[in-house]
Amino acid sequence: MITINNEPTAYTPIFLGTTQHSLRLSLEILIMVGMKLNDEIIETYNLTVSAIELGQLPNIGSQIAIDEITGSELSGFKAKIRQSDAKIQNTVSTELENLIDLKNVGQYQLLKGQKDMTKELKVPELSNNNLILMRQLLGVTQQELAAAMDMSRKTVNRFEIGEQKISDKFVNKLISVYPQLSEAIEVQFDWVSLTFPDSTSKQVIDDVLRLQENLFLERPTSQNFYTREMAFAGEKNIYIQDFAPVKNPETQAIEQKFGTTLYLTGKGTRLFEKALLEQNMNWRDFFEKARQYRGHLTRLDIAINDKWGLLDMNELVKAVQEKRFWSKSKSYAVHGNVDDGWTVDFGKSPFVIRAYDKNKEQANKGYDTDVKTRVELELHQNKAEYVLDEWFNHDKKLVDITFDILYTYLWFTNEPIDAQKLKSDKVREVIEQTVEPMPAWSLLTALGNRMKFVRQPKKQSVERIEKWVLQSVVPSLAVLKKTGHWHEIIEAINSVELSAEHEKLVMATTKNAITQASKQLNINFEKPTKKYKEDGEQGKGA
């Protein structure tokens, strides 16, 4: 039984295929359905259906579970599928992508000139200078290294003077003997922005993020052409911008314009990683889910955290000033100073590589961090989507993708690069073959694929307010206490009315569970600094 514009019929709906002329990935797709009665197709309909409700494209000629059809020839027909929208396992997008491949719709290539996207990029081998630098950073002698590695000092010496090639087996054993090497450099997401053209902010909160809506503060905005903003805990760490519902002056009906953008800032990614943990998900689960709702990345920042002190920003800035570097982008800029910390940018939007003194940056804000130097890949639009495509389609690890891009786009050397070499057709190959690399930079890229891509979930906190009070307010409070005015201060604190922003911050700080899925999970957040490895970890969905 199927209802057509509220009229029950005895038709059996049969799937006859997709009908849209230009293939596109969407939450709503156009299909052709035939109405079968007594083994005969009586009439056909071109219907718009929800890809999520559909779940998967049926075989042509098979029955399709449609309950209701509404609409007209003029406005078009829509169908409701007899299936729970809670079932998120959706293969329609994948099947449409396969159709796009058949139509030879080209994939955007971040790495220009590379025709085979599945081909592994070259990764520099560990050199003798790299080994010397690692031993110095570890603070061990040749003899101590030899003893730890269960080999002779002469063998270590042959490695360091270049007489013997350093094998992968040696590197793997070195990391197993000195596990601090694999923890010295970490990779993590530091900014995520996604646009959902078919959703509202409330739908993104409920269906994609699955966070508790009462933890968001709604307020007007005029940024990015949007009119409404939903901010988690009232702060712009996790926030969504869209269009507030408006009343149509002619019909008096409330109308909602679709389209929204989700922003996860640096702190927001750490907060959202707590939500992922509560939902027993990882980043890959989340991005796969976002794509099912037609979400596409507008910005993705990948941070390479050097906690080892391998990279010295003073040395990097000096190398830039002395032209001891090569970059695919002709654009670069140096900011800052020795005291406050340096920042060096290579390239412009939609792709920037940024290196800066993370330790000094955080110290200037009154925070502590174990990260010495950070190298960021800031990718926008298709450049950001490329990372997900490589991750999902070619089963590459995030660290491999990250260091492939870094190695391909930027290289530092120990001596200035001759201008003539920069004009070569194969400039990168010529430089690597003829100019000695900067040991620290080449070591970073050589060890990169052995590093970890991590999540570091953190709870919402009032740390920022606490620091400000301790630094700026406490001295004044001490004066008031010593002069007999402490009682008035306590009364004022107890009677003050918090703003809406402050109420949301209190609620988000005191609630241990911030997601819809957390009630059935027993998760200990007493150690919010615990880290979780992203690559190689299987999430269980939401």
Protein backbone atom coordinates (compact mmCIF):
# COMPACT_ATOMS: atom_id res chain seq x y z
CA MET A 1 0.00 0.00 0.00
CA ILE A 2 1.38 3.41 -1.01
CA THR A 3 -0.23 6.83 -0.52
CA ILE A 4 -0.03 9.40 -3.34
CA ASN A 5 -1.04 12.90 -2.21
CA ASN A 6 -3.05 11.39 0.67
CA GLU A 7 -4.84 8.94 -1.64
CA PRO A 8 -4.19 5.26 -0.81
CA THR A 9 -3.42 3.04 -3.82
CA ALA A 10 -2.71 -0.63 -4.48
CA TYR A 11 0.47 0.15 -6.42
CA THR A 12 3.80 -1.52 -5.75
CA PRO A 13 6.70 0.97 -6.27
CA ILE A 14 9.56 -0.40 -8.42
CA PHE A 15 13.03 1.23 -8.66
CA LEU A 16 13.89 2.18 -12.28
CA GLY A 17 17.20 4.01 -11.68
CA THR A 18 18.66 7.48 -11.08
CA THR A 19 17.55 10.23 -13.45
CA GLN A 20 19.61 13.34 -12.66
CA HIS A 21 21.69 14.35 -15.66
CA SER A 22 24.66 15.79 -13.75
CA LEU A 23 25.83 13.51 -10.98
CA ARG A 24 26.35 15.24 -7.65
CA LEU A 25 26.83 14.08 -4.10
CA SER A 26 23.79 15.20 -2.14
CA LEU A 27 21.54 14.29 0.75
CA GLU A 28 18.65 14.32 -1.73
CA ILE A 29 18.84 12.48 -5.04
CA LEU A 30 16.45 12.13 -7.99
CA ILE A 31 15.28 8.65 -8.91
CA MET A 32 12.66 7.13 -11.24
CA VAL A 33 10.03 4.88 -9.73
CA GLY A 34 7.39 2.83 -11.58
CA MET A 35 3.95 2.05 -10.12
CA LYS A 36 3.29 -1.66 -10.65
CA LEU A 37 -0.20 -3.14 -10.62
CA ASN A 38 -0.97 -6.74 -11.68
CA ASP A 39 2.56 -7.20 -13.11
CA GLU A 40 2.27 -4.04 -15.25
CA ILE A 41 3.88 -0.58 -14.84
CA ILE A 42 0.88 1.74 -14.81
CA GLU A 43 2.75 5.07 -14.46
CA THR A 44 6.16 6.45 -13.49
CA TYR A 45 7.32 9.22 -11.14
CA ASN A 46 10.57 11.18 -10.91
CA LEU A 47 11.01 11.43 -7.15
CA THR A 48 13.33 13.30 -4.80
CA VAL A 49 14.33 11.00 -1.94
CA SER A 50 16.58 11.26 1.12
CA ALA A 51 19.85 9.43 0.47
CA ILE A 52 20.14 8.70 4.20
CA GLU A 53 16.63 7.20 4.39
CA LEU A 54 17.24 5.23 1.19
CA GLY A 55 20.33 3.63 2.74
CA GLN A 56 21.53 2.06 -0.51
CA LEU A 57 20.58 2.14 -4.18
CA PRO A 58 18.26 -0.80 -4.92
CA ASN A 59 18.75 -3.00 -7.94
CA ILE A 60 16.84 -1.79 -11.00
CA GLY A 61 13.52 -3.62 -11.16
CA SER A 62 13.36 -4.37 -7.46
CA GLN A 63 10.71 -3.14 -5.07
CA ILE A 64 11.50 0.04 -3.16
CA ALA A 65 10.10 0.74 0.32
CA ILE A 66 8.20 3.98 -0.33
CA ASP A 67 5.31 4.83 2.01
CA GLU A 68 4.16 8.14 0.60
CA ILE A 69 4.52 10.40 -2.45
CA THR A 70 3.59 14.08 -2.34
CA GLY A 71 3.85 16.93 -4.85
CA SER A 72 2.87 17.77 -8.42
CA GLU A 73 4.29 17.83 -11.94
CA LEU A 74 4.88 21.57 -11.51
CA SER A 75 6.65 21.55 -8.13
CA GLY A 76 8.08 18.05 -8.35
CA PHE A 77 7.41 14.91 -6.32
CA LYS A 78 9.00 13.82 -3.05
CA ALA A 79 8.98 10.38 -1.46
CA LYS A 80 9.16 9.14 2.12
CA ILE A 81 11.07 5.90 2.63
CA ARG A 82 9.82 3.22 5.01
CA GLN A 83 13.05 3.11 7.02
CA SER A 84 14.29 4.65 10.28
CA ASP A 85 16.41 7.76 9.82
CA ALA A 86 18.43 6.60 12.83
CA LYS A 87 20.13 4.02 10.63
CA ILE A 88 23.22 5.94 9.58
CA GLN A 89 24.91 3.21 7.53
CA ASN A 90 24.52 4.76 4.09
CA THR A 91 26.10 3.56 0.87
CA VAL A 92 24.35 5.87 -1.61
CA SER A 93 27.18 8.44 -1.48
CA THR A 94 29.74 5.71 -2.17
CA GLU A 95 27.71 4.38 -5.09
CA LEU A 96 27.32 7.88 -6.55
CA GLU A 97 31.08 8.38 -6.21
CA ASN A 98 31.59 5.19 -8.22
CA LEU A 99 29.29 6.58 -10.91
CA ILE A 100 31.30 9.80 -10.94
CA ASP A 101 34.48 7.77 -11.45
CA LEU A 102 32.84 6.08 -14.44
CA LYS A 103 32.07 9.50 -15.91
CA ASN A 104 35.76 10.40 -15.55
CA VAL A 105 35.12 13.37 -13.33
CA GLY A 106 38.70 14.22 -12.27
CA GLN A 107 39.80 14.33 -8.66
CA TYR A 108 41.45 17.54 -7.54
CA GLN A 109 45.18 16.97 -7.16
CA LEU A 110 46.95 18.81 -4.39
CA LEU A 111 50.35 17.54 -5.50
CA LYS A 112 50.62 19.03 -8.98
CA GLY A 113 52.34 16.91 -11.54
CA GLN A 114 51.63 13.63 -9.80
CA LYS A 115 49.36 11.65 -12.10
CA ASP A 116 49.03 8.53 -9.98
CA MET A 117 47.56 9.59 -6.66
CA THR A 118 48.05 6.10 -5.20
CA LYS A 119 51.78 6.15 -5.86
CA GLU A 120 53.85 6.45 -2.72
CA LEU A 121 55.81 9.67 -2.50
CA LYS A 122 59.50 9.61 -1.86
CA VAL A 123 60.47 9.82 1.80
CA PRO A 124 64.06 10.78 2.63
CA GLU A 125 66.21 8.03 4.10
CA LEU A 126 67.84 8.55 7.46
CA SER A 127 71.31 9.97 6.86
CA ASN A 128 74.49 9.81 8.93
CA ASN A 129 74.00 13.46 9.96
CA ASN A 130 70.47 12.60 11.11
CA LEU A 131 71.84 9.82 13.31
CA ILE A 132 74.48 12.12 14.82
CA LEU A 133 71.78 14.70 15.60
CA MET A 134 69.51 12.07 17.19
CA ARG A 135 72.36 10.79 19.37
CA GLN A 136 73.16 14.34 20.49
CA LEU A 137 69.51 15.04 21.32
CA LEU A 138 69.35 11.78 23.28
CA GLY A 139 72.49 12.86 25.12
CA VAL A 140 74.37 9.58 24.62
CA THR A 141 77.86 8.74 23.36
CA GLN A 142 78.64 6.36 20.53
CA GLN A 143 79.60 3.73 23.09
CA GLU A 144 76.37 4.14 25.06
CA LEU A 145 74.30 3.98 21.87
CA ALA A 146 76.18 0.85 20.75
CA ALA A 147 75.59 -0.86 24.09
CA ALA A 148 71.88 -0.04 24.05
CA MET A 149 71.57 -1.27 20.45
CA ASP A 150 73.60 -4.43 21.16
CA MET A 151 76.25 -3.68 18.54
CA SER A 152 79.86 -2.52 18.45
CA ARG A 153 80.92 1.13 18.69
CA LYS A 154 82.75 0.66 15.36
CA THR A 155 79.42 -0.17 13.68
CA VAL A 156 77.82 2.99 15.08
CA ASN A 157 80.85 4.97 13.92
CA ARG A 158 80.54 3.52 10.39
CA PHE A 159 76.91 4.66 10.33
CA GLU A 160 77.87 8.17 11.44
CA ILE A 161 80.73 8.66 8.95
CA GLY A 162 78.58 7.35 6.09
CA GLU A 163 80.48 4.12 5.44
CA GLN A 164 77.42 1.96 6.15
CA LYS A 165 73.84 2.61 5.05
CA ILE A 166 71.24 3.03 7.79
CA SER A 167 68.53 0.40 7.29
CA ASP A 168 64.86 0.49 8.27
CA LYS A 169 65.58 -2.39 10.64
CA PHE A 170 68.17 -0.23 12.46
CA VAL A 171 65.72 2.71 12.70
CA ASN A 172 62.92 0.51 14.03
CA LYS A 173 65.22 -0.97 16.67
CA LEU A 174 66.47 2.50 17.60
CA ILE A 175 62.88 3.63 18.25
CA SER A 176 62.13 0.50 20.28
CA VAL A 177 65.27 1.04 22.41
CA TYR A 178 64.56 4.77 22.81
CA PRO A 179 60.72 4.99 22.84
CA GLN A 180 60.93 8.71 23.60
CA LEU A 181 61.81 9.19 19.91
CA SER A 182 58.30 8.17 18.81
CA GLU A 183 56.76 10.47 21.43
CA ALA A 184 58.92 13.48 20.61
CA ILE A 185 56.80 14.46 17.62
CA GLU A 186 53.00 14.19 17.50
CA VAL A 187 50.48 15.05 14.81
CA GLN A 188 46.93 16.22 15.51
CA PHE A 189 44.08 18.22 13.97
CA ASP A 190 44.12 21.83 15.15
CA TRP A 191 41.25 23.45 13.23
CA VAL A 192 38.26 21.94 11.43
CA SER A 193 35.57 23.78 9.47
CA LEU A 194 32.76 21.99 7.63
CA THR A 195 29.91 23.39 5.55
CA PHE A 196 26.57 21.57 5.37
CA PRO A 197 24.47 23.05 2.53
CA ASP A 198 21.34 21.00 3.34
CA SER A 199 21.22 21.41 7.13
CA THR A 200 20.52 23.93 9.88
CA SER A 201 22.68 24.47 12.96
CA LYS A 202 20.24 22.54 15.14
CA GLN A 203 20.38 19.58 12.75
CA VAL A 204 24.19 19.62 12.80
CA ILE A 205 24.19 19.68 16.62
CA ASP A 206 21.63 16.87 16.89
CA ASP A 207 22.55 14.61 13.97
CA VAL A 208 26.23 15.19 13.16
CA LEU A 209 27.86 16.36 16.41
CA ARG A 210 25.27 14.63 18.62
CA LEU A 211 25.97 17.12 21.41
CA GLN A 212 23.40 18.26 23.95
CA GLU A 213 21.67 21.26 22.43
CA ASN A 214 21.11 22.91 25.84
CA LEU A 215 24.88 23.42 26.13
CA PHE A 216 24.79 25.87 23.19
CA LEU A 217 24.05 29.57 23.41
CA GLU A 218 22.04 31.00 20.52
CA ARG A 219 22.82 34.57 19.49
CA PRO A 220 22.61 36.74 16.36
CA THR A 221 25.60 37.22 14.09
CA SER A 222 26.47 38.96 10.83
CA GLN A 223 29.64 37.00 10.09
CA ASN A 224 30.10 35.11 6.82
CA PHE A 225 26.65 36.28 5.61
CA TYR A 226 24.94 34.18 8.32
CA THR A 227 22.38 35.56 10.79
CA ARG A 228 22.54 33.09 13.71
CA GLU A 229 25.30 31.50 15.79
CA MET A 230 25.17 28.55 18.19
CA ALA A 231 28.20 28.60 20.54
CA PHE A 232 29.10 25.68 22.81
CA ALA A 233 29.36 26.94 26.42
CA GLY A 234 28.81 30.43 25.00
CA GLU A 235 32.39 30.53 23.70
CA LYS A 236 33.74 30.47 20.16
CA ASN A 237 35.57 27.16 20.43
CA ILE A 238 32.86 24.92 19.00
CA TYR A 239 30.29 27.02 17.17
CA ILE A 240 27.90 26.77 14.22
CA GLN A 241 26.62 29.61 12.07
CA ASP A 242 23.47 29.50 9.95
CA PHE A 243 20.30 31.46 9.13
CA ALA A 244 17.74 32.20 11.83
CA PRO A 245 14.12 31.35 10.92
CA VAL A 246 12.16 34.35 9.61
CA LYS A 247 8.46 35.05 9.12
CA ASN A 248 7.29 35.45 5.53
CA PRO A 249 5.43 38.83 5.49
CA GLU A 250 3.03 37.59 2.79
CA THR A 251 2.11 34.16 4.16
CA GLN A 252 3.07 34.73 7.83
CA ALA A 253 4.69 31.30 7.72
CA ILE A 254 8.02 30.70 9.48
CA GLU A 255 10.67 29.92 6.84
CA GLN A 256 14.08 28.36 7.43
CA LYS A 257 16.91 28.82 4.94
CA PHE A 258 19.28 25.86 4.82
CA GLY A 259 23.07 26.00 4.90
CA THR A 260 25.40 26.11 7.89
CA THR A 261 29.11 26.04 8.76
CA LEU A 262 30.63 24.26 11.74
CA TYR A 263 33.82 25.66 13.28
CA LEU A 264 36.14 23.75 15.61
CA THR A 265 39.02 26.00 16.66
CA GLY A 266 42.30 24.74 18.13
CA LYS A 267 40.73 24.43 21.58
CA GLY A 268 37.46 23.34 20.00
CA THR A 269 39.07 20.27 18.42
CA ARG A 270 40.33 19.16 21.84
CA LEU A 271 36.89 19.72 23.40
CA PHE A 272 35.16 17.86 20.57
CA GLU A 273 37.59 14.97 20.97
CA LYS A 274 35.99 14.46 24.40
CA ALA A 275 32.64 14.19 22.65
CA LEU A 276 34.11 11.68 20.19
CA LEU A 277 35.41 9.64 23.12
CA GLU A 278 32.00 9.68 24.80
CA GLN A 279 30.43 8.40 21.57
CA ASN A 280 33.13 5.75 21.12
CA MET A 281 34.13 7.37 17.82
CA ASN A 282 37.33 8.67 16.26
CA TRP A 283 37.93 11.41 13.70
CA ARG A 284 37.54 9.06 10.76
CA ASP A 285 34.10 7.99 12.01
CA PHE A 286 33.12 11.63 12.35
CA PHE A 287 34.28 12.73 8.88
CA GLU A 288 32.59 9.72 7.26
CA LYS A 289 29.39 10.67 9.07
CA ALA A 290 29.74 14.33 8.03
CA ARG A 291 30.03 13.31 4.38
CA GLN A 292 26.78 11.38 4.66
CA TYR A 293 25.15 14.71 5.53
CA ARG A 294 26.87 16.29 2.51
CA GLY A 295 29.36 18.07 4.73
CA HIS A 296 32.54 19.21 3.03
CA LEU A 297 35.67 20.67 4.56
CA THR A 298 36.28 24.39 4.15
CA ARG A 299 39.40 24.36 6.34
CA LEU A 300 41.60 21.74 7.96
CA ASP A 301 44.71 22.52 10.01
CA ILE A 302 47.12 19.68 10.77
CA ALA A 303 49.64 20.40 13.52
CA ILE A 304 53.04 18.72 13.82
CA ASN A 305 54.09 19.24 17.43
CA ASP A 306 57.83 19.13 18.10
CA LYS A 307 58.17 18.42 21.82
CA TRP A 308 61.80 17.41 21.37
CA GLY A 309 63.21 20.81 20.48
CA LEU A 310 64.36 19.33 17.19
CA LEU A 311 63.50 22.49 15.26
CA ASP A 312 64.99 25.82 16.34
CA MET A 313 62.93 28.77 15.08
CA ASN A 314 65.96 31.05 15.22
CA GLU A 315 67.74 28.63 12.87
CA LEU A 316 64.74 28.37 10.55
CA VAL A 317 64.40 32.16 10.33
CA LYS A 318 68.11 32.48 9.66
CA ALA A 319 67.82 29.87 6.89
CA VAL A 320 64.99 31.84 5.29
CA GLN A 321 66.96 35.10 5.47
CA GLU A 322 70.01 33.40 3.92
CA LYS A 323 67.92 31.71 1.19
CA ARG A 324 68.73 28.24 2.52
CA PHE A 325 65.36 26.75 1.66
CA TRP A 326 63.19 25.68 -1.25
CA SER A 327 59.40 25.93 -1.34
CA LYS A 328 56.90 25.13 -4.07
CA SER A 329 55.24 28.42 -3.25
CA LYS A 330 57.09 31.61 -4.16
CA SER A 331 55.39 33.43 -1.30
CA TYR A 332 56.81 33.52 2.22
CA ALA A 333 56.82 35.89 5.20
CA VAL A 334 58.61 36.18 8.56
CA HIS A 335 56.88 37.63 11.63
CA GLY A 336 57.82 38.16 15.29
CA ASN A 337 61.15 38.44 17.09
CA VAL A 338 63.58 36.48 19.25
CA ASP A 339 61.90 37.42 22.55
CA ASP A 340 58.25 36.85 21.66
CA GLY A 341 58.85 34.03 19.19
CA TRP A 342 59.15 33.75 15.42
CA THR A 343 56.54 32.72 12.85
CA VAL A 344 57.35 31.85 9.24
CA ASP A 345 54.62 31.36 6.61
CA PHE A 346 55.14 29.66 3.25
CA GLY A 347 52.39 30.07 0.67
CA LYS A 348 48.96 31.70 0.73
CA SER A 349 45.40 30.41 1.02
CA PRO A 350 44.24 27.81 0.07
CA PHE A 351 47.46 26.17 1.29
CA VAL A 352 49.91 27.53 3.87
CA ILE A 353 52.76 25.85 5.74
CA ARG A 354 53.45 27.69 9.00
CA ALA A 355 56.26 27.16 11.51
CA TYR A 356 56.24 29.01 14.84
CA ASP A 357 57.48 28.97 18.42
CA LYS A 358 54.54 27.34 20.17
CA ASN A 359 56.16 27.45 23.59
CA LYS A 360 56.67 31.22 23.53
CA GLU A 361 53.24 31.81 21.97
CA GLN A 362 51.54 29.97 24.85
CA ALA A 363 53.79 31.60 27.46
CA ASN A 364 52.73 35.04 26.18
CA LYS A 365 49.12 34.00 26.86
CA GLY A 366 49.96 32.72 30.35
CA TYR A 367 49.74 29.02 29.48
CA ASP A 368 52.17 26.12 29.71
CA THR A 369 52.81 23.57 26.96
CA ASP A 370 55.29 20.78 26.33
CA VAL A 371 55.40 21.67 22.62
CA LYS A 372 58.54 23.58 21.65
CA THR A 373 57.92 24.27 17.96
CA ARG A 374 54.87 23.65 15.80
CA VAL A 375 54.65 23.18 12.03
CA GLU A 376 51.13 23.58 10.67
CA LEU A 377 49.55 22.65 7.36
CA GLU A 378 46.62 25.01 6.81
CA LEU A 379 44.44 23.65 3.99
CA HIS A 380 41.26 25.15 2.59
CA GLN A 381 38.41 23.82 0.43
CA ASN A 382 39.58 21.14 -2.08
CA LYS A 383 43.05 21.09 -0.56
CA ALA A 384 41.48 19.99 2.73
CA GLU A 385 39.18 17.50 1.01
CA TYR A 386 42.26 15.95 -0.63
CA VAL A 387 43.48 14.78 2.78
CA LEU A 388 40.21 12.95 3.46
CA ASP A 389 40.17 11.44 -0.04
CA GLU A 390 43.69 10.07 0.42
CA TRP A 391 42.81 8.83 3.90
CA PHE A 392 39.55 7.14 2.92
CA ASN A 393 40.15 6.03 -0.67
CA HIS A 394 43.77 4.91 -0.57
CA ASP A 395 43.89 3.69 3.03
CA LYS A 396 46.89 5.84 3.88
CA LYS A 397 47.75 6.83 7.43
CA LEU A 398 47.28 10.44 8.45
CA VAL A 399 50.92 10.81 9.44
CA ASP A 400 52.01 9.50 6.02
CA ILE A 401 49.75 11.97 4.21
CA THR A 402 50.91 14.84 6.43
CA PHE A 403 54.62 14.26 5.97
CA ASP A 404 54.19 13.45 2.26
CA ILE A 405 52.75 16.94 1.79
CA LEU A 406 55.36 18.62 4.01
CA TYR A 407 58.28 16.88 2.32
CA THR A 408 56.90 17.66 -1.17
CA TYR A 409 56.35 21.36 -0.53
CA LEU A 410 59.20 22.55 1.70
CA TRP A 411 62.90 21.74 2.18
CA PHE A 412 65.67 23.42 4.19
CA THR A 413 69.38 23.20 3.42
CA ASN A 414 72.68 23.84 5.19
CA GLU A 415 73.94 26.30 2.58
CA PRO A 416 72.41 28.90 0.26
CA ILE A 417 70.82 27.55 -2.92
CA ASP A 418 72.30 28.90 -6.14
CA ALA A 419 69.80 30.96 -8.14
CA GLN A 420 70.59 28.94 -11.26
CA LYS A 421 69.49 25.72 -9.57
CA LEU A 422 66.15 27.31 -8.71
CA LYS A 423 65.51 27.71 -12.47
CA SER A 424 66.03 24.02 -13.18
CA ASP A 425 63.13 21.99 -14.61
CA LYS A 426 63.65 19.44 -11.84
CA VAL A 427 64.64 21.93 -9.19
CA ARG A 428 63.77 19.77 -6.17
CA GLU A 429 65.76 16.77 -7.40
CA VAL A 430 68.74 18.95 -8.25
CA ILE A 431 68.75 20.60 -4.81
CA GLU A 432 68.52 17.29 -2.95
CA GLN A 433 71.34 15.79 -5.00
CA THR A 434 73.73 18.73 -4.79
CA VAL A 435 72.99 20.76 -1.62
CA GLU A 436 73.48 19.39 1.91
CA PRO A 437 70.12 19.35 3.78
CA MET A 438 69.51 20.89 7.18
CA PRO A 439 69.90 17.87 9.51
CA ALA A 440 67.01 18.84 11.81
CA TRP A 441 64.53 19.34 8.96
CA SER A 442 65.54 16.20 7.06
CA LEU A 443 65.34 14.22 10.33
CA LEU A 444 61.82 15.54 10.93
CA THR A 445 60.68 14.34 7.49
CA ALA A 446 62.62 11.06 7.66
CA LEU A 447 61.07 10.07 11.00
CA GLY A 448 57.65 11.56 10.24
CA ASN A 449 55.91 8.39 9.11
CA ARG A 450 56.92 6.70 12.36
CA MET A 451 55.22 9.31 14.51
CA LYS A 452 51.70 9.16 16.00
CA PHE A 453 48.53 10.97 14.98
CA VAL A 454 46.79 11.54 18.30
CA ARG A 455 43.58 12.78 19.89
CA GLN A 456 43.86 14.61 23.21
CA PRO A 457 40.33 15.07 24.59
CA LYS A 458 39.82 17.81 27.15
CA LYS A 459 36.86 18.96 29.21
CA GLN A 460 35.37 22.44 28.99
CA SER A 461 36.96 24.47 31.77
CA VAL A 462 36.99 27.91 33.31
CA GLU A 463 40.79 27.97 33.25
CA ARG A 464 40.90 31.22 31.27
CA ILE A 465 38.77 33.06 33.87
CA GLU A 466 40.72 31.51 36.74
CA LYS A 467 44.06 32.65 35.30
CA TRP A 468 42.75 36.18 34.81
CA VAL A 469 41.45 36.32 38.40
CA LEU A 470 44.72 34.99 39.85
CA GLN A 471 46.86 37.39 37.84
CA SER A 472 44.75 40.55 37.86
CA VAL A 473 42.12 40.40 40.60
CA VAL A 474 43.59 38.54 43.57
CA PRO A 475 46.01 41.37 44.60
CA SER A 476 43.06 43.80 44.77
CA LEU A 477 40.97 41.26 46.69
CA ALA A 478 43.79 40.88 49.22
CA VAL A 479 43.71 44.64 49.86
CA LEU A 480 39.92 44.56 50.37
CA LYS A 481 40.22 41.60 52.75
CA LYS A 482 42.89 43.27 54.88
CA THR A 483 40.88 46.50 55.06
CA GLY A 484 37.69 44.79 56.26
CA HIS A 485 35.66 44.76 53.01
CA TRP A 486 35.72 40.98 52.44
CA HIS A 487 32.10 40.47 53.60
CA GLU A 488 30.76 42.83 50.90
CA ILE A 489 32.74 40.91 48.23
CA ILE A 490 31.28 37.55 49.34
CA GLU A 491 27.75 38.99 49.32
CA ALA A 492 28.27 40.42 45.84
CA ILE A 493 29.53 37.07 44.52
CA ASN A 494 26.53 35.22 45.99
CA SER A 495 23.99 37.70 44.63
CA VAL A 496 25.40 38.39 41.14
CA GLU A 497 23.29 37.34 38.16
CA LEU A 498 25.27 35.48 35.52
CA SER A 499 24.86 36.33 31.86
CA ALA A 500 23.58 33.73 29.39
CA GLU A 501 27.16 33.13 28.23
CA HIS A 502 28.35 32.51 31.78
CA GLU A 503 25.41 30.19 32.53
CA LYS A 504 26.28 28.04 29.50
CA LEU A 505 29.93 27.98 30.56
CA VAL A 506 28.97 26.80 34.07
CA MET A 507 26.69 24.11 32.64
CA ALA A 508 29.29 22.81 30.18
CA THR A 509 32.02 22.84 32.83
CA THR A 510 30.07 20.95 35.47
CA LYS A 511 28.55 18.37 33.10
CA ASN A 512 30.72 15.31 32.65
CA ALA A 513 28.62 14.06 29.72
CA ILE A 514 28.28 16.50 26.82
CA THR A 515 26.88 14.18 24.16
CA GLN A 516 23.63 12.35 23.57
CA ALA A 517 25.38 8.97 23.57
CA SER A 518 27.25 9.24 26.85
CA LYS A 519 24.60 8.00 29.27
CA GLN A 520 25.24 4.35 28.48
CA LEU A 521 29.04 4.71 28.54
CA ASN A 522 31.21 4.46 31.63
CA ILE A 523 34.16 6.69 30.85
CA ASN A 524 36.69 8.05 33.32
CA PHE A 525 37.71 11.63 32.60
CA GLU A 526 39.84 12.07 35.71
CA LYS A 527 42.90 12.19 33.42
CA PRO A 528 41.87 14.57 30.64
CA THR A 529 45.43 14.70 29.26
CA LYS A 530 45.33 11.05 28.18
CA LYS A 531 45.95 10.71 24.46
CA TYR A 532 44.44 8.31 21.96
CA LYS A 533 46.11 7.18 18.76
CA GLU A 534 43.97 7.95 15.71
CA ASP A 535 45.58 5.77 13.01
CA GLY A 536 45.03 2.08 13.38
CA GLU A 537 42.20 2.56 15.88
CA GLN A 538 38.75 1.38 14.88
CA GLY A 539 35.78 3.41 16.07
CA LYS A 540 32.42 1.80 16.60
CA GLY A 541 30.26 4.57 15.23
CA ALA A 542 27.53 6.37 17.06
